[in-house]
Amino acid sequence: MAGANSVVIQGAVEGLLDEAALHRLVEHLGATPGSVYGKNGKANLLQKLAGYNYAARRTPWVVLIDLDHDADCAPPARQSWLPDPAPYMCFRIAVREVEAWLLADRERIARFLGIRVSRVPVNPEALVDPKGTVVQLASRSWRRDIREDMVPRPGSGCTEGPVYTSRMIEFAMDWKAGWRPDVAASQSPSLARCLRCIGWLAAGASSPA
């Protein structure tokens, strides 16, 4: 947990689940989450990225964005989207979605979803559709509430259940029984890089870029 004199880190993300993950990571590393901007999709986040980067000349910022299928891997996307990050900008890309980071804690996500851990993919960053994988796993849950909340109803035309995001936020933010970033980082290189970057900011240093 963050202390009274910990570094405050501002942020910007694509959506609400990304915001929860960012809060969890910042607090996990002993810093204090500041205001989080964006939360209106990738296009909006990229449009405002230059402004966030300008703010990061003097104050710590983390911008989280999903790779999706915009590139084969993170480095070229990062170079295209933000070729010249400011000294206190931690610009990190989740491969391919933030759900992959959450799936990387296989034991805890299996327990949360009510499935066998053997069903959870070993290499979440290789998944084409991490969010779709979470929904598919939830459909096999022994817990009726998980199935009803996270799996779309037949004929609804939705890709996830009515309370999918809230359930995943619950998992991401649960310190006692939910997501463990350090454990997940051992199975997710992009998450490990994100932890290192935020760790620099939390220690009061500039980002290693």
Protein backbone atom coordinates (compact mmCIF):
# COMPACT_ATOMS: atom_id res chain seq x y z
CA MET A 1 0.00 0.00 0.00
CA ALA A 2 1.09 3.56 -0.70
CA GLY A 3 2.44 5.64 2.15
CA ALA A 4 1.56 9.22 3.06
CA ASN A 5 4.69 10.61 1.37
CA SER A 6 4.66 8.36 -1.69
CA VAL A 7 5.05 9.65 -5.24
CA VAL A 8 1.79 10.59 -6.96
CA ILE A 9 1.52 9.18 -10.48
CA GLN A 10 -1.01 10.52 -12.99
CA GLY A 11 -2.31 8.28 -15.75
CA ALA A 12 -4.30 7.84 -18.92
CA VAL A 13 -5.93 4.66 -20.20
CA GLU A 14 -8.39 3.31 -22.75
CA GLY A 15 -11.16 2.15 -20.41
CA LEU A 16 -12.35 1.35 -16.91
CA LEU A 17 -10.66 -2.04 -16.61
CA ASP A 18 -7.36 -0.49 -17.68
CA GLU A 19 -7.86 2.17 -15.01
CA ALA A 20 -8.31 -0.52 -12.34
CA ALA A 21 -5.17 -2.32 -13.50
CA LEU A 22 -3.20 0.93 -13.43
CA HIS A 23 -4.39 1.76 -9.91
CA ARG A 24 -3.41 -1.72 -8.76
CA LEU A 25 0.05 -1.52 -10.30
CA VAL A 26 0.81 1.94 -8.94
CA GLU A 27 -0.28 0.99 -5.42
CA HIS A 28 1.53 -2.35 -5.65
CA LEU A 29 4.76 -0.44 -6.24
CA GLY A 30 4.21 1.87 -3.28
CA ALA A 31 3.14 4.99 -5.15
CA THR A 32 -0.15 6.90 -5.00
CA PRO A 33 -2.53 6.87 -8.00
CA GLY A 34 -3.37 10.38 -9.13
CA SER A 35 -6.02 11.43 -11.62
CA VAL A 36 -6.62 9.01 -14.49
CA TYR A 37 -7.65 10.49 -17.84
CA GLY A 38 -8.94 9.09 -21.09
CA LYS A 39 -11.23 6.11 -20.54
CA ASN A 40 -12.86 6.82 -23.90
CA GLY A 41 -11.17 4.31 -26.20
CA LYS A 42 -7.85 3.97 -27.99
CA ALA A 43 -8.41 6.61 -30.69
CA ASN A 44 -9.19 9.26 -28.07
CA LEU A 45 -6.17 8.23 -25.98
CA LEU A 46 -3.78 8.47 -28.94
CA GLN A 47 -5.25 11.83 -29.94
CA LYS A 48 -4.40 13.26 -26.53
CA LEU A 49 -1.08 11.44 -26.07
CA ALA A 50 1.06 14.46 -26.99
CA GLY A 51 -0.60 16.49 -24.24
CA TYR A 52 -0.02 13.79 -21.64
CA ASN A 53 3.58 13.52 -22.77
CA TYR A 54 4.02 17.29 -22.39
CA ALA A 55 2.74 17.06 -18.81
CA ALA A 56 5.26 14.29 -18.13
CA ARG A 57 8.20 16.67 -18.62
CA ARG A 58 7.98 17.47 -14.91
CA THR A 59 5.54 15.07 -13.23
CA PRO A 60 5.24 11.24 -13.29
CA TRP A 61 2.78 9.81 -15.82
CA VAL A 62 1.79 6.33 -16.93
CA VAL A 63 -0.12 5.79 -20.14
CA LEU A 64 -1.42 2.26 -20.72
CA ILE A 65 -2.66 1.19 -24.13
CA ASP A 66 -3.53 -2.17 -25.70
CA LEU A 67 -1.50 -3.44 -28.65
CA ASP A 68 -4.57 -5.22 -30.08
CA HIS A 69 -3.68 -6.00 -33.71
CA ASP A 70 -2.12 -2.67 -34.64
CA ALA A 71 1.32 -4.27 -34.86
CA ASP A 72 2.98 -7.68 -34.55
CA CYS A 73 4.78 -6.61 -31.37
CA ALA A 74 5.01 -3.66 -29.01
CA PRO A 75 8.31 -1.91 -29.98
CA PRO A 76 7.26 -0.70 -33.46
CA ALA A 77 3.88 0.43 -32.13
CA ARG A 78 5.59 2.31 -29.32
CA GLN A 79 7.97 4.00 -31.75
CA SER A 80 5.06 5.00 -33.97
CA TRP A 81 2.78 6.27 -31.21
CA LEU A 82 5.33 7.99 -28.96
CA PRO A 83 8.83 8.16 -30.48
CA ASP A 84 10.11 10.76 -27.99
CA PRO A 85 8.74 10.11 -24.49
CA ALA A 86 9.21 12.84 -21.88
CA PRO A 87 11.53 12.21 -18.90
CA TYR A 88 8.72 11.22 -16.54
CA MET A 89 6.53 9.41 -19.08
CA CYS A 90 6.03 5.66 -18.65
CA PHE A 91 4.27 4.68 -21.89
CA ARG A 92 3.46 0.99 -21.77
CA ILE A 93 1.67 -1.35 -24.16
CA ALA A 94 -0.28 -4.41 -22.99
CA VAL A 95 0.22 -7.40 -25.30
CA ARG A 96 -2.36 -7.76 -26.66
CA GLU A 97 -4.94 -6.51 -24.15
CA VAL A 98 -4.93 -5.83 -20.42
CA GLU A 99 -6.89 -9.09 -19.99
CA ALA A 100 -3.68 -10.93 -20.92
CA TRP A 101 -2.01 -9.39 -17.87
CA LEU A 102 -4.85 -10.58 -15.66
CA LEU A 103 -4.83 -14.07 -17.19
CA ALA A 104 -1.11 -14.30 -16.43
CA ASP A 105 -1.91 -14.95 -12.76
CA ARG A 106 -3.28 -18.36 -13.70
CA GLU A 107 -3.99 -19.69 -10.22
CA ARG A 108 -5.94 -16.66 -9.02
CA ILE A 109 -7.92 -16.08 -12.25
CA ALA A 110 -8.90 -19.76 -12.27
CA ARG A 111 -10.12 -19.54 -8.69
CA PHE A 112 -12.00 -16.30 -9.42
CA LEU A 113 -13.71 -17.69 -12.52
CA GLY A 114 -14.47 -21.04 -10.94
CA ILE A 115 -12.54 -23.21 -13.39
CA ARG A 116 -9.59 -25.61 -13.32
CA VAL A 117 -6.23 -23.85 -13.56
CA SER A 118 -5.26 -26.20 -16.37
CA ARG A 119 -7.81 -24.42 -18.58
CA VAL A 120 -5.99 -21.09 -18.30
CA PRO A 121 -3.48 -20.51 -21.14
CA VAL A 122 0.17 -20.67 -20.10
CA ASN A 123 1.27 -17.92 -22.52
CA PRO A 124 -1.41 -15.19 -22.43
CA GLU A 125 0.56 -12.80 -24.64
CA ALA A 126 0.28 -15.29 -27.51
CA LEU A 127 -3.52 -15.14 -27.44
CA VAL A 128 -5.23 -13.53 -30.42
CA ASP A 129 -8.17 -12.37 -28.29
CA PRO A 130 -7.45 -12.32 -24.52
CA LYS A 131 -10.82 -10.77 -23.67
CA GLY A 132 -12.62 -13.42 -25.69
CA THR A 133 -10.59 -16.07 -23.89
CA VAL A 134 -11.75 -14.74 -20.50
CA VAL A 135 -15.37 -14.87 -21.65
CA GLN A 136 -14.90 -18.42 -22.96
CA LEU A 137 -13.35 -19.52 -19.67
CA ALA A 138 -16.19 -17.89 -17.73
CA SER A 139 -18.69 -19.89 -19.82
CA ARG A 140 -17.17 -23.07 -18.33
CA SER A 141 -17.42 -21.84 -14.73
CA TRP A 142 -19.11 -23.95 -12.08
CA ARG A 143 -20.39 -20.66 -10.63
CA ARG A 144 -23.73 -19.59 -12.05
CA ASP A 145 -23.21 -15.93 -11.08
CA ILE A 146 -19.95 -15.78 -13.07
CA ARG A 147 -21.63 -17.27 -16.14
CA GLU A 148 -24.59 -14.89 -15.90
CA ASP A 149 -22.43 -11.81 -15.29
CA MET A 150 -19.59 -12.39 -17.74
CA VAL A 151 -20.98 -14.45 -20.62
CA PRO A 152 -23.25 -12.80 -23.23
CA ARG A 153 -26.79 -14.02 -23.41
CA PRO A 154 -27.67 -15.97 -26.58
CA GLY A 155 -28.96 -13.63 -29.26
CA SER A 156 -27.84 -10.49 -27.44
CA GLY A 157 -25.25 -9.60 -30.06
CA CYS A 158 -22.82 -8.69 -27.26
CA THR A 159 -19.28 -9.98 -26.94
CA GLU A 160 -19.39 -10.15 -23.13
CA GLY A 161 -21.89 -10.42 -20.32
CA PRO A 162 -23.67 -7.47 -18.69
CA VAL A 163 -21.31 -7.21 -15.72
CA TYR A 164 -18.08 -8.37 -17.38
CA THR A 165 -16.11 -5.19 -16.74
CA SER A 166 -17.23 -4.86 -13.14
CA ARG A 167 -16.27 -8.47 -12.44
CA MET A 168 -12.82 -8.05 -13.95
CA ILE A 169 -12.28 -4.81 -12.02
CA GLU A 170 -13.22 -6.73 -8.88
CA PHE A 171 -10.53 -9.30 -9.66
CA ALA A 172 -7.89 -6.70 -10.51
CA MET A 173 -8.43 -4.68 -7.33
CA ASP A 174 -8.72 -7.50 -4.78
CA TRP A 175 -5.48 -7.40 -2.77
CA LYS A 176 -6.28 -10.53 -0.73
CA ALA A 177 -7.59 -13.04 -3.25
CA GLY A 178 -7.31 -11.37 -6.65
CA TRP A 179 -4.64 -10.39 -9.12
CA ARG A 180 -0.97 -10.59 -8.12
CA PRO A 181 1.06 -8.39 -10.49
CA ASP A 182 4.43 -9.91 -9.53
CA VAL A 183 3.18 -13.44 -10.19
CA ALA A 184 1.55 -12.39 -13.44
CA ALA A 185 4.71 -10.63 -14.62
CA SER A 186 6.57 -13.94 -14.67
CA GLN A 187 4.25 -15.05 -17.50
CA SER A 188 3.86 -11.65 -19.22
CA PRO A 189 6.95 -9.82 -20.49
CA SER A 190 5.01 -6.64 -21.32
CA LEU A 191 3.66 -6.53 -17.77
CA ALA A 192 7.15 -7.10 -16.36
CA ARG A 193 8.41 -4.11 -18.38
CA CYS A 194 5.50 -2.03 -17.12
CA LEU A 195 6.28 -2.89 -13.50
CA ARG A 196 9.92 -1.92 -13.95
CA CYS A 197 8.96 1.40 -15.54
CA ILE A 198 6.43 2.34 -12.88
CA GLY A 199 8.94 1.24 -10.26
CA TRP A 200 11.37 3.89 -11.49
CA LEU A 201 8.70 6.58 -11.16
CA ALA A 202 7.65 5.32 -7.74
CA ALA A 203 11.27 5.65 -6.60
CA GLY A 204 11.32 9.29 -7.69
CA ALA A 205 13.47 8.72 -10.77
CA SER A 206 12.76 9.54 -14.39
CA SER A 207 11.55 6.78 -16.65
CA PRO A 208 14.27 4.63 -18.31
CA ALA A 209 12.24 4.96 -21.53
